Amino acid sequence: MFSFLKKSAPDTKADAPAVANTANDAAPSWRERLFKGLAKTRAQWGGKLKSIFSRGKVDDELLEELETLLLTSDCGIEATTHLLDELKKAAKRDKLETPEAIQKALAEALLATLQPLEQPLDVSGHKPYVIMIAGVNGAGKTTSIGKLAKYFQNQGKSVLLAAGDTFRAAAREQLETWGERNNVTVIAQDNGDPAAVVFDAISAAKARGIDIVLADTAGRLPTQLHLMEEIAKVRRVIQKVEPSGPHETLLVLDANIGQNALQQVKAFDKAINVTGLVLTKLDGTAKGGVVTAIARQCPKPIRFIGVGEQIDDLRPFSAKDFVDALFE
């Protein structure tokens, strides 16, 4: 039996706004939190880059040291080769002769590589706008759904959550907690078919005039073929109740897994046609270079990145802010 949960008393402590609080000048801006969140990756790059570029010329020794740094930051072979080639071109064209000029050239090459991934999610085309969310267990999927709900609420949108992970009671309870905190309706089922839960949620959203449906799905590994088929079934069922949906299929990735993220993107894309990525836990890893690997090997738009545990620590991806946070 389905339970329709509408929580009327939000948890104001956890209910922090996802936009800058102009009334509180002491509150750090998103850019400041991003810089702090990328501290581990920046530490991996910063000091070493200073040492690498100190000789002031792009020679074989510099390129070899830079290659090692990029690879250990999980940029991947293809992205590393691309960035080194771009740096060599800039050195020849612009006659780079100072550490500052070399670093600037690398930053510009990285920005050009990442810029195509910066495609903010536009939810204006459909009502309800159905967002299907997938990912492996532990990637931060359910938490990201709660943060996305708050983000969209702060855009003036009404939100409904579908607890489509019917295999883990903890996942359903976690989603219900997020719903309670943010005064958002959660449609859940104690056990049973996740596709039925999502079907029911979209039907309810249509009846209530809800703007956005965030549909959770059970975490699974790409190698679990029967579960991958099940998530494909959820997609097909969405199309029965909303022929134009899902309007966005987000894959949540844990930045800590580095190069394994590429395999996850490819496997989930094959099963459910991934249209965007949510990259979480960037604050807990020095592997932020994986963003560059994604750009070169499976360039899906990065819709949101997460750099902390607070409810407003998930924001749209900005290539320039990301690059600045790595180099400054």
Protein backbone atom coordinates (compact mmCIF):
# COMPACT_ATOMS: atom_id res chain seq x y z
CA MET A 1 0.00 0.00 0.00
CA PHE A 2 1.34 3.39 -0.93
CA SER A 3 1.92 6.02 1.69
CA PHE A 4 1.56 9.68 0.77
CA LEU A 5 3.71 11.64 3.15
CA LYS A 6 3.35 15.39 3.51
CA LYS A 7 5.41 16.82 6.31
CA SER A 8 4.23 20.18 7.52
CA ALA A 9 6.98 21.21 9.95
CA PRO A 10 10.35 21.67 8.25
CA ASP A 11 13.53 21.26 10.24
CA THR A 12 14.68 24.87 10.22
CA LYS A 13 18.16 24.00 11.40
CA ALA A 14 18.79 21.73 8.42
CA ASP A 15 16.65 23.86 6.16
CA ALA A 16 19.43 26.28 5.14
CA PRO A 17 18.74 28.15 1.91
CA ALA A 18 20.60 27.09 -1.22
CA VAL A 19 21.32 30.68 -2.22
CA ALA A 20 23.61 33.21 -0.61
CA ASN A 21 22.12 34.71 2.52
CA THR A 22 22.54 38.43 1.98
CA ALA A 23 21.35 39.11 5.50
CA ASN A 24 24.32 37.27 6.92
CA ASP A 25 27.56 38.79 5.69
CA ALA A 26 29.56 36.21 7.67
CA ALA A 27 28.15 33.30 5.68
CA PRO A 28 30.72 32.06 3.12
CA SER A 29 29.73 32.39 -0.52
CA TRP A 30 29.34 29.33 -2.73
CA ARG A 31 32.61 30.22 -4.48
CA GLU A 32 34.39 30.31 -1.11
CA ARG A 33 32.92 26.95 -0.14
CA LEU A 34 33.91 25.51 -3.51
CA PHE A 35 37.51 26.67 -2.98
CA LYS A 36 37.47 25.07 0.47
CA GLY A 37 35.86 21.90 -0.86
CA LEU A 38 38.51 21.43 -3.53
CA ALA A 39 41.35 21.95 -1.05
CA LYS A 40 42.58 18.34 -1.29
CA THR A 41 42.78 18.37 -5.07
CA ARG A 42 44.34 21.84 -5.02
CA ALA A 43 46.93 20.64 -2.50
CA GLN A 44 47.75 17.80 -4.87
CA TRP A 45 48.25 20.31 -7.70
CA GLY A 46 49.27 23.60 -6.11
CA GLY A 47 52.65 22.99 -4.51
CA LYS A 48 53.74 20.52 -7.15
CA LEU A 49 52.78 22.82 -10.01
CA LYS A 50 54.80 25.62 -8.44
CA SER A 51 57.81 23.35 -8.32
CA ILE A 52 57.25 21.97 -11.83
CA PHE A 53 56.85 25.42 -13.40
CA SER A 54 59.70 27.02 -11.45
CA ARG A 55 62.21 26.44 -14.25
CA GLY A 56 60.21 28.83 -16.43
CA LYS A 57 60.32 26.86 -19.68
CA VAL A 58 58.26 24.08 -21.23
CA ASP A 59 60.86 21.37 -21.78
CA ASP A 60 60.80 17.57 -21.72
CA GLU A 61 61.48 17.44 -18.00
CA LEU A 62 58.58 19.77 -17.19
CA LEU A 63 56.23 17.83 -19.45
CA GLU A 64 57.20 14.52 -17.85
CA GLU A 65 56.65 15.82 -14.32
CA LEU A 66 53.35 17.42 -15.29
CA GLU A 67 52.20 14.20 -16.93
CA THR A 68 52.84 12.31 -13.70
CA LEU A 69 50.92 14.89 -11.67
CA LEU A 70 47.90 14.87 -14.00
CA LEU A 71 47.74 11.08 -14.08
CA THR A 72 47.94 10.77 -10.30
CA SER A 73 45.09 13.29 -10.06
CA ASP A 74 42.93 10.91 -12.15
CA CYS A 75 42.83 13.05 -15.26
CA GLY A 76 43.30 9.91 -17.33
CA ILE A 77 45.66 9.27 -20.23
CA GLU A 78 43.53 10.88 -22.94
CA ALA A 79 42.89 14.13 -21.03
CA THR A 80 46.51 14.30 -19.86
CA THR A 81 47.80 13.92 -23.41
CA HIS A 82 45.37 16.58 -24.61
CA LEU A 83 46.41 19.09 -21.92
CA LEU A 84 50.12 18.51 -22.54
CA ASP A 85 49.63 18.99 -26.29
CA GLU A 86 47.74 22.24 -25.67
CA LEU A 87 50.51 23.47 -23.35
CA LYS A 88 53.18 22.68 -25.92
CA LYS A 89 51.22 24.58 -28.58
CA ALA A 90 50.84 27.59 -26.27
CA ALA A 91 54.56 27.51 -25.39
CA LYS A 92 55.52 27.56 -29.06
CA ARG A 93 52.93 30.18 -30.01
CA ASP A 94 53.28 32.55 -27.06
CA LYS A 95 56.92 31.88 -26.08
CA LEU A 96 56.09 31.10 -22.45
CA GLU A 97 59.08 32.01 -20.30
CA THR A 98 57.79 32.46 -16.74
CA PRO A 99 56.15 30.09 -14.24
CA GLU A 100 53.09 32.37 -14.15
CA ALA A 101 52.67 32.29 -17.92
CA ILE A 102 53.00 28.50 -18.02
CA GLN A 103 50.44 28.03 -15.27
CA LYS A 104 48.05 30.45 -16.96
CA ALA A 105 48.35 28.52 -20.21
CA LEU A 106 47.57 25.22 -18.46
CA ALA A 107 44.60 26.76 -16.66
CA GLU A 108 43.24 28.09 -19.95
CA ALA A 109 43.62 24.65 -21.59
CA LEU A 110 41.82 23.02 -18.68
CA LEU A 111 39.02 25.60 -18.79
CA ALA A 112 38.53 25.05 -22.53
CA THR A 113 38.34 21.31 -21.90
CA LEU A 114 35.75 21.58 -19.12
CA GLN A 115 33.58 24.38 -20.53
CA PRO A 116 31.42 22.05 -22.70
CA LEU A 117 30.34 20.21 -19.52
CA GLU A 118 28.85 23.41 -18.08
CA GLN A 119 25.22 23.08 -19.13
CA PRO A 120 22.79 24.19 -16.40
CA LEU A 121 19.64 22.12 -16.12
CA ASP A 122 16.59 23.89 -17.58
CA VAL A 123 13.39 22.54 -16.03
CA SER A 124 11.01 24.98 -17.70
CA GLY A 125 9.90 22.82 -20.62
CA HIS A 126 7.53 20.39 -18.88
CA LYS A 127 5.19 20.19 -15.90
CA PRO A 128 5.82 18.02 -14.09
CA TYR A 129 9.47 17.91 -15.07
CA VAL A 130 10.48 14.31 -14.32
CA ILE A 131 14.07 13.73 -13.18
CA MET A 132 15.15 10.11 -12.80
CA ILE A 133 18.16 9.64 -10.55
CA ALA A 134 20.49 6.63 -10.57
CA GLY A 135 23.83 5.57 -9.13
CA VAL A 136 25.66 2.88 -7.22
CA ASN A 137 25.20 2.38 -3.48
CA GLY A 138 27.26 4.85 -1.48
CA ALA A 139 27.55 7.50 -4.21
CA GLY A 140 25.39 9.93 -2.23
CA LYS A 141 22.31 9.49 -4.40
CA THR A 142 19.58 9.81 -1.78
CA THR A 143 21.32 12.71 -0.05
CA SER A 144 21.72 14.46 -3.41
CA ILE A 145 17.97 14.11 -4.03
CA GLY A 146 17.26 15.91 -0.78
CA LYS A 147 19.67 18.69 -1.70
CA LEU A 148 18.21 18.97 -5.19
CA ALA A 149 14.73 19.26 -3.71
CA LYS A 150 15.86 22.23 -1.64
CA TYR A 151 17.70 23.77 -4.58
CA PHE A 152 14.59 23.66 -6.78
CA GLN A 153 12.41 24.95 -3.96
CA ASN A 154 14.67 27.97 -3.77
CA GLN A 155 13.99 28.50 -7.48
CA GLY A 156 10.31 28.79 -6.60
CA LYS A 157 9.43 25.28 -7.81
CA SER A 158 7.16 22.77 -6.10
CA VAL A 159 8.76 19.34 -5.71
CA LEU A 160 7.57 15.78 -5.15
CA LEU A 161 9.89 12.88 -4.25
CA ALA A 162 9.39 9.29 -5.40
CA ALA A 163 11.04 6.72 -3.11
CA GLY A 164 11.81 4.26 -5.89
CA ASP A 165 14.52 2.45 -3.92
CA THR A 166 12.16 -0.16 -2.48
CA PHE A 167 14.94 -2.62 -1.66
CA ARG A 168 16.51 -0.66 1.17
CA ALA A 169 14.23 0.51 3.95
CA ALA A 170 17.00 2.87 5.05
CA ALA A 171 16.93 4.63 1.68
CA ARG A 172 13.18 5.18 1.90
CA GLU A 173 13.46 6.43 5.47
CA GLN A 174 16.29 8.78 4.51
CA LEU A 175 14.22 10.23 1.69
CA GLU A 176 11.26 10.65 4.01
CA THR A 177 13.51 12.53 6.44
CA TRP A 178 14.58 14.90 3.64
CA GLY A 179 10.92 15.37 2.76
CA GLU A 180 10.09 16.19 6.37
CA ARG A 181 12.92 18.72 6.63
CA ASN A 182 11.87 20.56 3.50
CA ASN A 183 8.09 20.18 3.67
CA VAL A 184 8.07 18.09 0.48
CA THR A 185 5.64 15.30 -0.37
CA VAL A 186 7.24 11.83 -0.54
CA ILE A 187 5.45 8.95 -2.22
CA ALA A 188 6.71 5.62 -0.97
CA GLN A 189 5.87 1.95 -0.65
CA ASP A 190 7.02 -0.45 2.05
CA ASN A 191 8.09 -3.04 -0.50
CA GLY A 192 7.35 -3.99 -4.06
CA ASP A 193 7.91 -2.72 -7.55
CA PRO A 194 9.95 0.51 -7.81
CA ALA A 195 8.45 1.23 -11.23
CA ALA A 196 4.97 1.26 -9.65
CA VAL A 197 6.11 3.80 -7.05
CA VAL A 198 7.47 6.12 -9.73
CA PHE A 199 4.34 5.69 -11.86
CA ASP A 200 2.18 6.62 -8.90
CA ALA A 201 4.36 9.62 -8.03
CA ILE A 202 4.12 11.11 -11.51
CA SER A 203 0.34 10.57 -11.52
CA ALA A 204 0.11 12.36 -8.16
CA ALA A 205 2.30 15.21 -9.41
CA LYS A 206 0.05 15.73 -12.41
CA ALA A 207 -3.05 15.76 -10.22
CA ARG A 208 -1.52 18.27 -7.80
CA GLY A 209 0.13 20.58 -10.32
CA ILE A 210 3.66 19.83 -9.03
CA ASP A 211 6.56 21.33 -10.99
CA ILE A 212 9.27 18.72 -10.47
CA VAL A 213 9.35 14.99 -9.67
CA LEU A 214 12.64 13.61 -8.33
CA ALA A 215 12.52 9.83 -8.75
CA ASP A 216 14.97 7.81 -6.69
CA THR A 217 16.03 4.34 -7.88
CA ALA A 218 17.77 1.48 -6.09
CA GLY A 219 21.55 1.66 -6.04
CA ARG A 220 23.22 -0.95 -8.18
CA LEU A 221 26.51 -1.88 -9.77
CA PRO A 222 26.82 -1.82 -13.56
CA THR A 223 27.79 -5.51 -13.43
CA GLN A 224 24.43 -6.47 -11.88
CA LEU A 225 22.69 -6.98 -15.19
CA HIS A 226 19.31 -7.98 -13.74
CA LEU A 227 19.22 -4.76 -11.70
CA MET A 228 20.31 -2.69 -14.67
CA GLU A 229 17.39 -4.17 -16.59
CA GLU A 230 15.10 -3.24 -13.73
CA ILE A 231 16.18 0.40 -13.85
CA ALA A 232 15.57 0.34 -17.61
CA LYS A 233 12.05 -0.88 -16.77
CA VAL A 234 11.55 2.14 -14.49
CA ARG A 235 12.42 4.36 -17.44
CA ARG A 236 9.91 2.57 -19.68
CA VAL A 237 7.17 2.89 -17.06
CA ILE A 238 7.84 6.63 -16.73
CA GLN A 239 7.25 6.94 -20.46
CA LYS A 240 3.86 5.24 -20.10
CA VAL A 241 2.55 7.84 -17.66
CA GLU A 242 4.55 10.73 -19.15
CA PRO A 243 5.41 10.02 -22.82
CA SER A 244 7.95 12.86 -22.98
CA GLY A 245 9.75 11.70 -19.82
CA PRO A 246 12.02 11.25 -18.11
CA HIS A 247 13.04 14.75 -19.04
CA GLU A 248 16.41 14.34 -17.30
CA THR A 249 18.27 11.21 -16.23
CA LEU A 250 20.92 12.07 -13.68
CA LEU A 251 23.73 9.72 -12.69
CA VAL A 252 25.23 10.43 -9.26
CA LEU A 253 28.98 9.77 -9.09
CA ASP A 254 31.26 9.69 -6.07
CA ALA A 255 34.38 11.70 -6.97
CA ASN A 256 36.47 9.42 -4.74
CA ILE A 257 36.25 6.56 -7.24
CA GLY A 258 38.39 8.39 -9.78
CA GLN A 259 38.71 6.63 -13.13
CA ASN A 260 36.02 4.06 -12.24
CA ALA A 261 33.53 6.89 -12.79
CA LEU A 262 34.04 6.50 -16.53
CA GLN A 263 32.91 2.87 -16.51
CA GLN A 264 29.85 3.80 -14.48
CA VAL A 265 28.86 6.56 -16.90
CA LYS A 266 29.19 4.23 -19.90
CA ALA A 267 27.26 1.35 -18.28
CA PHE A 268 24.37 3.47 -16.99
CA ASP A 269 24.21 5.43 -20.22
CA LYS A 270 23.73 2.18 -22.13
CA ALA A 271 20.89 1.12 -19.81
CA ILE A 272 18.99 4.37 -19.25
CA ASN A 273 20.43 7.08 -21.53
CA VAL A 274 22.15 9.33 -18.99
CA THR A 275 21.64 13.01 -19.80
CA GLY A 276 23.53 14.62 -16.91
CA LEU A 277 25.85 13.97 -13.98
CA VAL A 278 25.93 14.89 -10.31
CA LEU A 279 29.47 14.69 -8.94
CA THR A 280 29.51 14.35 -5.15
CA LYS A 281 32.11 14.33 -2.37
CA LEU A 282 34.68 16.48 -4.17
CA ASP A 283 35.63 17.82 -0.74
CA GLY A 284 36.81 14.38 0.37
CA THR A 285 39.17 13.54 -2.46
CA ALA A 286 42.32 14.64 -4.29
CA LYS A 287 40.92 13.03 -7.46
CA GLY A 288 39.13 16.09 -8.80
CA GLY A 289 40.98 15.55 -12.08
CA VAL A 290 38.38 12.92 -12.96
CA VAL A 291 36.22 15.81 -14.20
CA THR A 292 38.78 16.27 -16.99
CA ALA A 293 38.71 12.57 -17.81
CA ILE A 294 34.91 12.72 -18.11
CA ALA A 295 35.20 15.71 -20.45
CA ARG A 296 37.49 13.85 -22.83
CA GLN A 297 36.15 10.28 -22.68
CA CYS A 298 32.41 10.45 -21.93
CA PRO A 299 31.40 14.11 -22.09
CA LYS A 300 28.07 14.23 -20.29
CA PRO A 301 26.96 17.57 -18.85
CA ILE A 302 27.85 17.96 -15.18
CA ARG A 303 24.63 19.47 -13.88
CA PHE A 304 25.65 19.71 -10.22
CA ILE A 305 28.69 19.22 -8.00
CA GLY A 306 28.80 18.63 -4.25
CA VAL A 307 31.54 19.88 -1.93
CA GLY A 308 30.10 19.30 1.53
CA GLU A 309 27.41 17.81 3.72
CA GLN A 310 25.20 20.87 4.20
CA ILE A 311 21.90 21.04 2.38
CA ASP A 312 23.12 23.90 0.18
CA ASP A 313 26.46 22.30 -0.72
CA LEU A 314 25.20 21.03 -4.08
CA ARG A 315 25.21 23.60 -6.87
CA PRO A 316 25.35 23.87 -10.68
CA PHE A 317 28.78 23.20 -12.15
CA SER A 318 30.82 26.24 -13.23
CA ALA A 319 33.93 25.39 -15.24
CA LYS A 320 35.62 28.71 -14.46
CA ASP A 321 34.98 28.50 -10.72
CA PHE A 322 36.23 24.91 -10.74
CA VAL A 323 39.47 25.79 -12.54
CA ASP A 324 40.02 28.86 -10.38
CA ALA A 325 39.60 26.70 -7.27
CA LEU A 326 42.33 24.37 -8.50
CA PHE A 327 44.90 27.02 -9.36
CA GLU A 328 44.39 29.89 -6.93
